[in-house]
C-alpha cells in the first residue's frame, strides 16, 4: 500500500495549477532591432536589453535586421511565435510611416502588442564642412539655389531620419536628392567619407563624429539645444516652431499571453527607472518617455494618422 501511494505521488508531479504552467522566460529572449548596428535603434535596444535581462533572468539578445526601413523586421516580429521569447523595437518609421508607403504583410495595430514606449530621440542635421559655411541659414540658401542637386542620406526610405528630413525640407521649402542606406551607421560612414553631402541621424549616431569634428552639425530637431551639444543650434532657431523627434518602444506578437506582456512592460519600466540606464540614455541624447501599453497604443494610432498625411503629401515611395 505504501509503495502504491509513493508511485501515485511521483506519477503526478504536475497536478497543482502552480506547476502545470511552464515558467517564462524559459530561454534567451530575442530582441529584434529593425536597423543596422551603430544607430539609435541598435543602441537603445542594447541598453534596454541589458537591463531587462537582469530583471527577467534570461539573456536578452539583440538581433539586427535592417532593410526596407524596418519593414522586414516588423513582419518578422508579427509572425514570430507568440510565446514571449521574441520582442522588438517599434518606432516612428516602422509603426507610423511604413504602413503608408510599403506593402506590409503585418498590420501594426492588429498584429503587434504595444508593450510600452522607451524614449524620444532628437535628430541632428549634418553636412560637409564646405556646405555648412554660414550655418543653417547658409546651408538653406545653397540648397535653395541648386534644387534637386545636393544629396542627403538617410537610414532608408520611410525611416525615422528620412521622415525627419522630409519635415525639415517641407518647413524650409527645399528640394534635395535622397540617398537611402540600410541604417544610420552606414549612412554616417559615407557622409564622413564624402560620398554624400549631408544627412540627418539620431543623436547616438551623430555624437561620435561631432566630437571628432569630421562633419558639421547644422542643427538639432528638438525645440531647444541639447545639453550634449550646447553649441549646436536647434533648427527651430532658424525655422520657428520646427520639431521632429524619433520615438522608440517595445512591441511583441499580438497573441503573446497577457501576463507575459505585463511582465515585459514591467521589465521595461524598471529599466527606465535605473540610474545606469538613464545615464546611458542621457549620454546618447535620448529622452526617456515611459508609456504603459494602453497609452503607447493610443500614441501609435495618433502618429500613424499624423505621418500618413506627411507621406501622402510628399508621395513617398520605397527607395526614393
Protein backbone atom coordinates (compact mmCIF):
# COMPACT_ATOMS: atom_id res chain seq x y z
CA UNK A 1 0.00 0.00 0.00
CA UNK A 2 2.85 2.37 0.87
CA UNK A 3 4.60 1.55 -2.42
CA UNK A 4 1.42 2.22 -4.40
CA UNK A 5 0.96 5.57 -2.69
CA UNK A 6 4.55 6.58 -3.44
CA UNK A 7 4.14 5.56 -7.11
CA UNK A 8 0.98 7.68 -7.35
CA UNK A 9 2.70 10.71 -5.85
CA UNK A 10 5.66 10.55 -8.23
CA UNK A 11 3.44 9.79 -11.25
CA UNK A 12 1.51 13.09 -10.95
CA UNK A 13 4.04 15.84 -10.12
CA UNK A 14 2.23 18.47 -12.22
CA UNK A 15 -1.18 18.14 -10.66
CA UNK A 16 -1.23 21.57 -8.98
CA UNK A 17 -2.07 24.70 -11.04
CA UNK A 18 1.19 26.39 -9.99
CA UNK A 19 3.24 23.58 -11.52
CA UNK A 20 1.04 22.95 -14.55
CA UNK A 21 2.21 26.08 -16.39
CA UNK A 22 5.75 26.22 -17.77
CA UNK A 23 7.75 29.16 -16.41
CA UNK A 24 8.61 32.16 -18.58
CA UNK A 25 11.09 33.04 -19.84
CA UNK A 26 12.45 29.55 -20.43
CA UNK A 27 15.30 30.58 -22.72
CA UNK A 28 17.04 33.72 -24.06
CA UNK A 29 14.75 36.40 -25.47
CA UNK A 30 15.42 37.66 -28.99
CA UNK A 31 15.14 41.45 -29.22
CA UNK A 32 14.84 42.43 -32.89
CA UNK A 33 16.32 45.81 -33.80
CA UNK A 34 14.99 46.86 -37.22
CA UNK A 35 18.21 48.59 -38.30
CA UNK A 36 21.90 48.02 -38.84
CA UNK A 37 24.32 48.18 -35.88
CA UNK A 38 25.55 51.59 -34.79
CA UNK A 39 22.44 53.76 -34.97
CA UNK A 40 19.99 54.93 -32.33
CA UNK A 41 17.74 51.88 -32.76
CA UNK A 42 20.56 49.43 -32.14
CA UNK A 43 21.96 51.37 -29.18
CA UNK A 44 18.59 51.71 -27.43
CA UNK A 45 17.84 48.02 -27.93
CA UNK A 46 21.16 47.04 -26.34
CA UNK A 47 20.80 49.42 -23.39
CA UNK A 48 17.24 48.25 -22.66
CA UNK A 49 18.03 44.61 -23.35
CA UNK A 50 20.85 44.50 -20.84
CA UNK A 51 18.68 45.91 -18.05
CA UNK A 52 15.64 43.78 -18.91
CA UNK A 53 17.84 40.69 -18.89
CA UNK A 54 18.71 41.29 -15.24
CA UNK A 55 15.02 41.64 -14.35
CA UNK A 56 13.75 38.66 -16.36
CA UNK A 57 16.57 36.27 -15.50
CA UNK A 58 17.41 35.34 -19.10
CA UNK A 59 19.70 36.96 -21.68
CA UNK A 60 18.01 39.45 -23.99
CA UNK A 61 19.91 39.08 -27.25
CA UNK A 62 19.72 41.88 -29.83
CA UNK A 63 19.30 40.71 -33.42
CA UNK A 64 19.81 43.35 -36.12
CA UNK A 65 17.51 43.05 -39.13
CA UNK A 66 17.95 46.07 -41.34
CA UNK A 67 16.45 46.74 -44.74
CA UNK A 68 13.24 48.25 -46.15
CA UNK A 69 13.28 50.85 -43.36
CA UNK A 70 12.47 48.18 -40.78
CA UNK A 71 9.62 46.52 -42.68
CA UNK A 72 11.39 43.15 -42.78
CA UNK A 73 11.93 43.18 -39.02
CA UNK A 74 8.38 44.31 -38.28
CA UNK A 75 6.89 41.48 -40.32
CA UNK A 76 9.23 39.02 -38.60
CA UNK A 77 8.10 40.24 -35.18
CA UNK A 78 4.42 39.97 -36.08
CA UNK A 79 4.89 36.43 -37.41
CA UNK A 80 7.06 35.19 -34.53
CA UNK A 81 5.90 32.54 -32.08
CA UNK A 82 3.80 34.47 -29.53
CA UNK A 83 5.44 32.88 -26.51
CA UNK A 84 7.25 35.96 -25.19
CA UNK A 85 10.66 34.91 -26.46
CA UNK A 86 10.65 37.34 -29.41
CA UNK A 87 10.19 41.08 -28.94
CA UNK A 88 11.34 44.05 -30.94
CA UNK A 89 11.77 47.77 -31.29
CA UNK A 90 8.82 49.62 -32.78
CA UNK A 91 9.43 53.21 -33.84
CA UNK A 92 8.09 56.13 -35.83
CA UNK A 93 9.18 54.64 -39.15
CA UNK A 94 8.03 51.05 -38.63
CA UNK A 95 4.76 51.81 -36.85
CA UNK A 96 3.68 55.18 -38.24
CA UNK A 97 5.26 55.67 -41.68
CA UNK A 98 5.95 52.30 -43.33
CA UNK A 99 2.29 51.20 -43.41
CA UNK A 100 1.63 54.13 -45.76
CA UNK A 101 4.48 53.51 -48.22
CA UNK A 102 5.23 49.76 -48.15
CA UNK A 103 3.06 46.76 -48.88
CA UNK A 104 3.31 45.15 -45.48
CA UNK A 105 2.10 41.68 -44.53
CA UNK A 106 1.64 42.88 -40.95
CA UNK A 107 -0.91 45.35 -39.59
CA UNK A 108 0.88 47.39 -36.92
CA UNK A 109 -2.30 47.95 -34.92
CA UNK A 110 -3.81 44.46 -35.14
CA UNK A 111 -0.77 42.16 -35.35
CA UNK A 112 1.50 43.73 -32.74
CA UNK A 113 1.15 44.20 -29.00
CA UNK A 114 2.39 47.64 -27.95
CA UNK A 115 4.33 46.86 -24.77
CA UNK A 116 5.48 50.39 -23.95
CA UNK A 117 7.35 53.49 -25.01
CA UNK A 118 11.08 53.79 -24.31
CA UNK A 119 12.33 57.20 -25.39
CA UNK A 120 12.25 60.07 -27.83
CA UNK A 121 15.49 60.93 -29.60
CA UNK A 122 16.31 64.24 -31.30
CA UNK A 123 17.93 64.12 -34.70
CA UNK A 124 20.88 66.15 -35.98
CA UNK A 125 21.29 67.62 -39.45
CA UNK A 126 24.88 67.03 -40.58
CA UNK A 127 26.75 68.35 -43.60
CA UNK A 128 30.17 68.52 -45.20
CA UNK A 129 32.13 71.46 -43.81
CA UNK A 130 32.14 73.42 -47.08
CA UNK A 131 28.38 73.11 -47.45
CA UNK A 132 27.86 74.24 -43.86
CA UNK A 133 29.60 77.62 -44.05
CA UNK A 134 27.28 80.25 -42.67
CA UNK A 135 25.44 77.72 -40.52
CA UNK A 136 21.93 76.52 -41.20
CA UNK A 137 20.93 79.72 -42.98
CA UNK A 138 23.88 79.33 -45.35
CA UNK A 139 23.02 75.68 -45.97
CA UNK A 140 19.39 76.56 -46.75
CA UNK A 141 20.50 79.28 -49.16
CA UNK A 142 22.83 76.90 -51.04
CA UNK A 143 20.20 74.18 -51.35
CA UNK A 144 17.54 76.66 -52.43
CA UNK A 145 19.88 77.98 -55.15
CA UNK A 146 20.51 74.47 -56.51
CA UNK A 147 17.29 72.45 -56.17
CA UNK A 148 17.43 68.68 -56.77
CA UNK A 149 21.23 68.59 -56.90
CA UNK A 150 22.53 68.40 -53.32
CA UNK A 151 22.37 64.96 -51.70
CA UNK A 152 21.26 63.87 -48.27
CA UNK A 153 21.43 60.40 -46.78
CA UNK A 154 19.04 58.56 -44.50
CA UNK A 155 18.60 55.15 -42.91
CA UNK A 156 16.24 54.17 -45.74
CA UNK A 157 13.02 55.32 -47.38
CA UNK A 158 10.47 55.97 -44.66
CA UNK A 159 13.00 55.60 -41.86
CA UNK A 160 12.93 57.79 -38.76
CA UNK A 161 15.56 60.13 -40.13
CA UNK A 162 14.07 60.19 -43.61
CA UNK A 163 10.71 61.37 -42.29
CA UNK A 164 12.56 63.91 -40.12
CA UNK A 165 14.39 65.20 -43.17
CA UNK A 166 11.14 65.39 -45.13
CA UNK A 167 9.67 67.51 -42.33
CA UNK A 168 12.70 69.81 -42.49
CA UNK A 169 12.53 70.14 -46.30
CA UNK A 170 8.83 70.99 -46.08
CA UNK A 171 9.44 73.61 -43.39
CA UNK A 172 12.32 75.21 -45.33
CA UNK A 173 10.77 74.86 -48.80
CA UNK A 174 13.73 72.88 -50.19
CA UNK A 175 14.27 70.07 -52.71
CA UNK A 176 17.21 67.68 -52.36
CA UNK A 177 18.30 64.26 -53.66
CA UNK A 178 17.63 61.40 -51.24
CA UNK A 179 20.23 58.63 -50.91
CA UNK A 180 18.84 55.76 -48.79
CA UNK A 181 21.03 53.38 -46.76
CA UNK A 182 20.32 50.24 -44.72
CA UNK A 183 20.84 52.11 -41.46
CA UNK A 184 22.17 55.28 -39.86
CA UNK A 185 25.57 53.72 -39.21
CA UNK A 186 26.39 53.08 -42.91
CA UNK A 187 24.96 56.49 -43.86
CA UNK A 188 27.19 58.36 -41.39
CA UNK A 189 30.25 56.42 -42.60
CA UNK A 190 29.54 57.51 -46.18
CA UNK A 191 28.93 61.10 -45.09
CA UNK A 192 32.27 61.24 -43.30
CA UNK A 193 33.92 59.71 -46.38
CA UNK A 194 32.46 62.46 -48.56
CA UNK A 195 30.26 60.20 -50.68
CA UNK A 196 27.14 62.20 -49.78
CA UNK A 197 26.88 65.87 -48.90
CA UNK A 198 24.54 65.87 -45.92
CA UNK A 199 22.32 63.69 -43.81
CA UNK A 200 20.15 63.51 -40.75
CA UNK A 201 20.58 60.96 -37.98
CA UNK A 202 19.69 60.41 -34.34
CA UNK A 203 21.98 61.83 -31.68
CA UNK A 204 23.51 58.42 -30.74
CA UNK A 205 24.99 58.03 -34.22
CA UNK A 206 25.82 61.74 -34.59
CA UNK A 207 27.71 62.43 -31.35
CA UNK A 208 30.87 60.40 -32.14
CA UNK A 209 31.52 62.14 -35.47
CA UNK A 210 30.71 65.54 -33.99
CA UNK A 211 33.27 65.05 -31.23
CA UNK A 212 35.88 64.31 -33.90
CA UNK A 213 34.70 67.33 -35.95
CA UNK A 214 34.59 65.21 -39.08
CA UNK A 215 31.39 66.90 -40.28
CA UNK A 216 29.44 69.97 -39.22
CA UNK A 217 26.24 69.84 -37.18
CA UNK A 218 23.82 72.40 -38.60
CA UNK A 219 21.02 71.94 -36.10
CA UNK A 220 19.04 69.58 -33.90
CA UNK A 221 15.38 68.71 -34.36
CA UNK A 222 14.42 69.26 -30.70
CA UNK A 223 12.79 72.55 -29.81
CA UNK A 224 15.78 73.58 -27.72
CA UNK A 225 19.53 72.98 -27.80
CA UNK A 226 20.76 69.70 -26.35
CA UNK A 227 22.94 69.56 -23.25
CA UNK A 228 25.28 67.17 -25.09
CA UNK A 229 25.85 69.68 -27.90
CA UNK A 230 25.15 73.15 -26.48
CA UNK A 231 26.99 74.84 -29.37
CA UNK A 232 24.69 73.25 -31.95
CA UNK A 233 21.57 75.37 -32.50
CA UNK A 234 18.06 73.99 -32.66
CA UNK A 235 16.65 74.12 -36.18
CA UNK A 236 13.74 75.99 -34.56
CA UNK A 237 16.05 78.96 -34.04
CA UNK A 238 16.03 79.41 -37.83
CA UNK A 239 12.65 77.82 -38.61
CA UNK A 240 10.39 78.83 -35.68
CA UNK A 241 8.21 76.05 -34.32
CA UNK A 242 10.10 73.24 -36.02
CA UNK A 243 10.35 69.94 -34.14
CA UNK A 244 10.76 66.35 -35.36
CA UNK A 245 11.60 63.63 -32.86
CA UNK A 246 12.30 59.97 -33.31
CA UNK A 247 10.46 57.71 -30.86
CA UNK A 248 11.02 54.13 -29.83
CA UNK A 249 9.03 51.50 -28.00
CA UNK A 250 8.82 47.76 -27.46
CA UNK A 251 6.43 45.53 -29.39
CA UNK A 252 5.64 41.81 -29.45
CA UNK A 253 3.40 39.41 -31.41
CA UNK A 254 -0.19 40.31 -30.55
CA UNK A 255 -1.09 36.83 -29.25
CA UNK A 256 1.68 36.94 -26.64
CA UNK A 257 -0.05 35.95 -23.36
CA UNK A 258 -1.29 38.98 -21.41
CA UNK A 259 0.67 38.00 -18.30
CA UNK A 260 3.87 37.85 -20.35
CA UNK A 261 3.12 41.23 -21.91
CA UNK A 262 2.64 42.61 -18.41
CA UNK A 263 6.00 41.25 -17.26
CA UNK A 264 7.73 42.69 -20.32
CA UNK A 265 6.14 46.08 -19.65
CA UNK A 266 7.24 45.86 -16.02
CA UNK A 267 10.82 44.98 -17.01
CA UNK A 268 10.92 47.94 -19.40
CA UNK A 269 9.53 50.24 -16.69
CA UNK A 270 12.18 49.05 -14.23
CA UNK A 271 14.87 49.70 -16.85
CA UNK A 272 13.67 53.27 -17.35
CA UNK A 273 13.99 53.91 -13.61
CA UNK A 274 17.52 52.52 -13.44
CA UNK A 275 20.20 55.21 -12.84
CA UNK A 276 22.58 53.31 -15.12
CA UNK A 277 20.07 53.19 -17.97
CA UNK A 278 19.07 56.82 -17.51
CA UNK A 279 22.72 57.88 -17.55
CA UNK A 280 23.38 55.90 -20.70
CA UNK A 281 20.32 57.32 -22.45
CA UNK A 282 21.40 60.83 -21.46
CA UNK A 283 24.88 60.18 -22.90
CA UNK A 284 23.22 59.26 -26.20
CA UNK A 285 20.90 62.28 -26.23
CA UNK A 286 17.81 60.11 -25.73
CA UNK A 287 14.95 61.45 -23.63
CA UNK A 288 13.22 58.72 -21.56
CA UNK A 289 9.50 58.73 -22.29
CA UNK A 290 7.91 55.81 -20.44
CA UNK A 291 4.40 54.84 -21.52
CA UNK A 292 2.34 51.86 -20.43
CA UNK A 293 0.74 49.61 -23.10
CA UNK A 294 -2.64 51.35 -23.45
CA UNK A 295 -1.11 54.82 -23.62
CA UNK A 296 1.54 53.69 -26.08
CA UNK A 297 -1.05 52.03 -28.32
CA UNK A 298 -3.12 55.24 -28.42
CA UNK A 299 0.04 57.21 -29.20
CA UNK A 300 0.91 54.87 -32.09
CA UNK A 301 -2.59 55.25 -33.55
CA UNK A 302 -2.30 59.05 -33.48
CA UNK A 303 1.19 59.01 -35.03
CA UNK A 304 0.02 56.60 -37.74
CA UNK A 305 -2.56 59.18 -38.82
CA UNK A 306 -0.21 62.18 -38.49
CA UNK A 307 2.70 60.80 -40.52
CA UNK A 308 0.42 59.18 -43.05
CA UNK A 309 -0.63 62.69 -44.05
CA UNK A 310 3.04 63.66 -44.50
CA UNK A 311 3.72 60.54 -46.60
CA UNK A 312 0.74 61.23 -48.86
CA UNK A 313 1.57 64.92 -49.19
CA UNK A 314 5.08 64.06 -50.35
CA UNK A 315 4.06 61.00 -52.39
CA UNK A 316 6.65 58.89 -50.57
CA UNK A 317 7.57 55.56 -52.13
CA UNK A 318 10.14 52.89 -51.24
CA UNK A 319 13.75 53.55 -52.23
CA UNK A 320 13.13 57.20 -53.13
